[in-house]
């Protein structure tokens, strides 16, 4: 059986490499598919829309990306009958209360502020992967 991928919406190369390092550190075997923007993420999700096994197991979403941003992705995912059950975890540099409120009001499963410290950023990501891929029962 093929492992479903993790969709990471991240425009920063440095932050994406941190995601990859954290995934390895967490022993994660799932492939990681990167979208550089919300627009690219939505394109990839729509392309795999018709095959449930082709959808990501988890979406790790940066809010501030070029084109359609993470807010647009969240709204689109939650309004779609097929995509609506995808777990969406926001990982953003924004600690703005309006962003937090918006994300939870529109169906984000979790919201994490990216730590500035690299070691803490790795720990937060490892904890996210451990929780969502080892502790939670996700939709089939």
C-alpha atoms as a PDB file:
ATOM      1  CA  UNK A   1       0.000   0.000   0.000  1.00  0.00           C
ATOM      2  CA  UNK A   2       1.302   3.400  -1.016  1.00  0.00           C
ATOM      3  CA  UNK A   3       1.664   6.055   1.691  1.00  0.00           C
ATOM      4  CA  UNK A   4      -0.349   9.194   1.081  1.00  0.00           C
ATOM      5  CA  UNK A   5       1.639  12.390   0.841  1.00  0.00           C
ATOM      6  CA  UNK A   6       1.779  15.475   3.019  1.00  0.00           C
ATOM      7  CA  UNK A   7       1.032  18.737   1.174  1.00  0.00           C
ATOM      8  CA  UNK A   8       3.221  21.591   2.391  1.00  0.00           C
ATOM      9  CA  UNK A   9       2.287  25.071   1.195  1.00  0.00           C
ATOM     10  CA  UNK A  10       5.446  27.077   1.773  1.00  0.00           C
ATOM     11  CA  UNK A  11       7.107  29.759  -0.349  1.00  0.00           C
ATOM     12  CA  UNK A  12      10.277  30.011   1.776  1.00  0.00           C
ATOM     13  CA  UNK A  13      13.012  27.557   0.776  1.00  0.00           C
ATOM     14  CA  UNK A  14      14.550  27.802   4.238  1.00  0.00           C
ATOM     15  CA  UNK A  15      11.262  27.004   5.989  1.00  0.00           C
ATOM     16  CA  UNK A  16      10.577  24.145   3.578  1.00  0.00           C
ATOM     17  CA  UNK A  17      14.013  22.624   4.296  1.00  0.00           C
ATOM     18  CA  UNK A  18      13.167  22.862   8.004  1.00  0.00           C
ATOM     19  CA  UNK A  19       9.964  20.919   7.296  1.00  0.00           C
ATOM     20  CA  UNK A  20      11.976  18.237   5.507  1.00  0.00           C
ATOM     21  CA  UNK A  21      14.505  18.021   8.359  1.00  0.00           C
ATOM     22  CA  UNK A  22      11.703  17.742  10.928  1.00  0.00           C
ATOM     23  CA  UNK A  23       9.982  15.010   8.905  1.00  0.00           C
ATOM     24  CA  UNK A  24      13.182  12.974   8.804  1.00  0.00           C
ATOM     25  CA  UNK A  25      13.731  13.620  12.514  1.00  0.00           C
ATOM     26  CA  UNK A  26      10.213  12.406  13.265  1.00  0.00           C
ATOM     27  CA  UNK A  27      10.809   9.223  11.243  1.00  0.00           C
ATOM     28  CA  UNK A  28       8.081  10.202   8.799  1.00  0.00           C
ATOM     29  CA  UNK A  29       7.951   8.006   5.707  1.00  0.00           C
ATOM     30  CA  UNK A  30       5.162   9.835   3.875  1.00  0.00           C
ATOM     31  CA  UNK A  31       6.302  11.723   0.786  1.00  0.00           C
ATOM     32  CA  UNK A  32       6.166  15.513   0.988  1.00  0.00           C
ATOM     33  CA  UNK A  33       4.710  17.492  -1.904  1.00  0.00           C
ATOM     34  CA  UNK A  34       5.468  21.183  -1.894  1.00  0.00           C
ATOM     35  CA  UNK A  35       3.309  23.944  -3.264  1.00  0.00           C
ATOM     36  CA  UNK A  36       5.045  27.327  -3.417  1.00  0.00           C
ATOM     37  CA  UNK A  37       1.750  29.225  -3.334  1.00  0.00           C
ATOM     38  CA  UNK A  38      -1.888  28.844  -2.514  1.00  0.00           C
ATOM     39  CA  UNK A  39      -2.609  28.918  -6.241  1.00  0.00           C
ATOM     40  CA  UNK A  40      -0.290  25.952  -6.848  1.00  0.00           C
ATOM     41  CA  UNK A  41      -1.784  24.083  -3.878  1.00  0.00           C
ATOM     42  CA  UNK A  42      -5.325  24.522  -5.184  1.00  0.00           C
ATOM     43  CA  UNK A  43      -4.219  23.390  -8.656  1.00  0.00           C
ATOM     44  CA  UNK A  44      -2.644  20.213  -7.197  1.00  0.00           C
ATOM     45  CA  UNK A  45      -5.659  19.491  -5.002  1.00  0.00           C
ATOM     46  CA  UNK A  46      -8.080  19.931  -7.907  1.00  0.00           C
ATOM     47  CA  UNK A  47      -5.931  17.669 -10.100  1.00  0.00           C
ATOM     48  CA  UNK A  48      -6.172  14.856  -7.527  1.00  0.00           C
ATOM     49  CA  UNK A  49      -9.778  15.625  -6.592  1.00  0.00           C
ATOM     50  CA  UNK A  50     -11.269  12.571  -8.318  1.00  0.00           C
ATOM     51  CA  UNK A  51      -9.065   9.946  -6.620  1.00  0.00           C
ATOM     52  CA  UNK A  52      -9.234   9.835  -2.810  1.00  0.00           C
ATOM     53  CA  UNK A  53      -5.854   8.051  -2.504  1.00  0.00           C
ATOM     54  CA  UNK A  54      -4.254  10.851  -4.545  1.00  0.00           C
ATOM     55  CA  UNK A  55      -5.274  13.491  -1.986  1.00  0.00           C
ATOM     56  CA  UNK A  56      -2.850  14.454   0.760  1.00  0.00           C
ATOM     57  CA  UNK A  57      -3.151  12.914   4.193  1.00  0.00           C
ATOM     58  CA  UNK A  58      -2.442  16.301   5.773  1.00  0.00           C
ATOM     59  CA  UNK A  59      -2.054  19.886   4.553  1.00  0.00           C
ATOM     60  CA  UNK A  60       0.539  22.050   6.305  1.00  0.00           C
ATOM     61  CA  UNK A  61      -0.419  25.574   5.299  1.00  0.00           C
ATOM     62  CA  UNK A  62       1.534  28.830   5.393  1.00  0.00           C
ATOM     63  CA  UNK A  63      -0.880  31.787   5.341  1.00  0.00           C
ATOM     64  CA  UNK A  64       1.220  34.351   3.524  1.00  0.00           C
ATOM     65  CA  UNK A  65       2.113  33.013   0.092  1.00  0.00           C
ATOM     66  CA  UNK A  66       2.028  34.640  -3.345  1.00  0.00           C
ATOM     67  CA  UNK A  67      -1.116  34.460  -5.475  1.00  0.00           C
ATOM     68  CA  UNK A  68      -3.973  32.789  -3.653  1.00  0.00           C
ATOM     69  CA  UNK A  69      -2.738  32.757  -0.080  1.00  0.00           C
ATOM     70  CA  UNK A  70      -3.365  30.284   2.710  1.00  0.00           C
ATOM     71  CA  UNK A  71      -6.653  31.949   3.629  1.00  0.00           C
ATOM     72  CA  UNK A  72      -7.934  31.340   0.086  1.00  0.00           C
ATOM     73  CA  UNK A  73      -6.805  27.717   0.274  1.00  0.00           C
ATOM     74  CA  UNK A  74      -8.569  27.184   3.589  1.00  0.00           C
ATOM     75  CA  UNK A  75     -11.821  28.685   2.283  1.00  0.00           C
ATOM     76  CA  UNK A  76     -11.679  26.621  -0.912  1.00  0.00           C
ATOM     77  CA  UNK A  77     -10.840  23.353   0.872  1.00  0.00           C
ATOM     78  CA  UNK A  78     -13.583  23.766   3.468  1.00  0.00           C
ATOM     79  CA  UNK A  79     -16.205  24.637   0.839  1.00  0.00           C
ATOM     80  CA  UNK A  80     -15.507  21.511  -1.242  1.00  0.00           C
ATOM     81  CA  UNK A  81     -17.379  18.255  -0.575  1.00  0.00           C
ATOM     82  CA  UNK A  82     -14.354  16.060  -1.339  1.00  0.00           C
ATOM     83  CA  UNK A  83     -11.576  18.214   0.111  1.00  0.00           C
ATOM     84  CA  UNK A  84     -13.562  19.394   3.120  1.00  0.00           C
ATOM     85  CA  UNK A  85     -12.403  16.626   5.448  1.00  0.00           C
ATOM     86  CA  UNK A  86      -8.691  17.119   4.776  1.00  0.00           C
ATOM     87  CA  UNK A  87      -6.849  18.007   7.975  1.00  0.00           C
ATOM     88  CA  UNK A  88      -5.405  21.501   7.568  1.00  0.00           C
ATOM     89  CA  UNK A  89      -2.741  22.678   9.991  1.00  0.00           C
ATOM     90  CA  UNK A  90      -1.739  26.321   9.674  1.00  0.00           C
ATOM     91  CA  UNK A  91       1.903  27.129  10.323  1.00  0.00           C
ATOM     92  CA  UNK A  92       2.407  30.853   9.951  1.00  0.00           C
ATOM     93  CA  UNK A  93       4.777  33.589  11.021  1.00  0.00           C
ATOM     94  CA  UNK A  94       1.680  35.604  11.913  1.00  0.00           C
ATOM     95  CA  UNK A  95       0.666  35.772  15.548  1.00  0.00           C
ATOM     96  CA  UNK A  96      -2.072  38.242  14.623  1.00  0.00           C
ATOM     97  CA  UNK A  97      -5.288  37.499  16.534  1.00  0.00           C
ATOM     98  CA  UNK A  98      -7.342  38.223  13.385  1.00  0.00           C
ATOM     99  CA  UNK A  99      -5.461  35.539  11.436  1.00  0.00           C
ATOM    100  CA  UNK A 100      -5.920  33.050  14.250  1.00  0.00           C
ATOM    101  CA  UNK A 101      -9.642  33.827  14.512  1.00  0.00           C
ATOM    102  CA  UNK A 102     -10.095  33.674  10.733  1.00  0.00           C
ATOM    103  CA  UNK A 103      -8.415  30.280  10.468  1.00  0.00           C
ATOM    104  CA  UNK A 104     -10.350  28.634  13.278  1.00  0.00           C
ATOM    105  CA  UNK A 105     -13.643  30.212  12.161  1.00  0.00           C
ATOM    106  CA  UNK A 106     -13.067  28.751   8.705  1.00  0.00           C
ATOM    107  CA  UNK A 107     -12.176  25.222   9.718  1.00  0.00           C
ATOM    108  CA  UNK A 108      -8.442  25.037  10.383  1.00  0.00           C
ATOM    109  CA  UNK A 109      -7.677  22.001  12.531  1.00  0.00           C
ATOM    110  CA  UNK A 110      -4.764  23.714  14.267  1.00  0.00           C
ATOM    111  CA  UNK A 111      -2.797  26.957  14.184  1.00  0.00           C
ATOM    112  CA  UNK A 112       0.891  27.216  15.044  1.00  0.00           C
ATOM    113  CA  UNK A 113       3.087  30.300  14.983  1.00  0.00           C
ATOM    114  CA  UNK A 114       6.462  29.551  13.381  1.00  0.00           C
ATOM    115  CA  UNK A 115       9.176  29.994  15.976  1.00  0.00           C
ATOM    116  CA  UNK A 116      12.058  32.233  14.946  1.00  0.00           C
ATOM    117  CA  UNK A 117      14.547  29.913  16.643  1.00  0.00           C
ATOM    118  CA  UNK A 118      15.477  27.062  14.265  1.00  0.00           C
ATOM    119  CA  UNK A 119      15.661  24.387  16.985  1.00  0.00           C
ATOM    120  CA  UNK A 120      12.214  25.351  18.277  1.00  0.00           C
ATOM    121  CA  UNK A 121      10.843  25.405  14.717  1.00  0.00           C
ATOM    122  CA  UNK A 122      12.110  21.851  14.230  1.00  0.00           C
ATOM    123  CA  UNK A 123      10.533  20.750  17.521  1.00  0.00           C
ATOM    124  CA  UNK A 124       7.153  22.264  16.651  1.00  0.00           C
ATOM    125  CA  UNK A 125       7.182  20.531  13.265  1.00  0.00           C
ATOM    126  CA  UNK A 126       8.255  17.175  14.742  1.00  0.00           C
ATOM    127  CA  UNK A 127       5.443  17.481  17.271  1.00  0.00           C
ATOM    128  CA  UNK A 128       2.956  18.255  14.489  1.00  0.00           C
ATOM    129  CA  UNK A 129       4.073  15.235  12.466  1.00  0.00           C
ATOM    130  CA  UNK A 130       4.075  12.979  15.506  1.00  0.00           C
ATOM    131  CA  UNK A 131       0.591  14.065  16.547  1.00  0.00           C
ATOM    132  CA  UNK A 132      -1.084  14.036  13.134  1.00  0.00           C
ATOM    133  CA  UNK A 133       0.620  10.951  11.705  1.00  0.00           C
ATOM    134  CA  UNK A 134       1.006   8.746  14.782  1.00  0.00           C
ATOM    135  CA  UNK A 135      -1.647   9.757  17.317  1.00  0.00           C
ATOM    136  CA  UNK A 136      -4.686  10.820  15.309  1.00  0.00           C
ATOM    137  CA  UNK A 137      -6.968   8.591  13.249  1.00  0.00           C
ATOM    138  CA  UNK A 138      -7.312  10.435   9.943  1.00  0.00           C
ATOM    139  CA  UNK A 139     -10.047  10.040   7.304  1.00  0.00           C
ATOM    140  CA  UNK A 140      -9.418   7.231   4.834  1.00  0.00           C
END
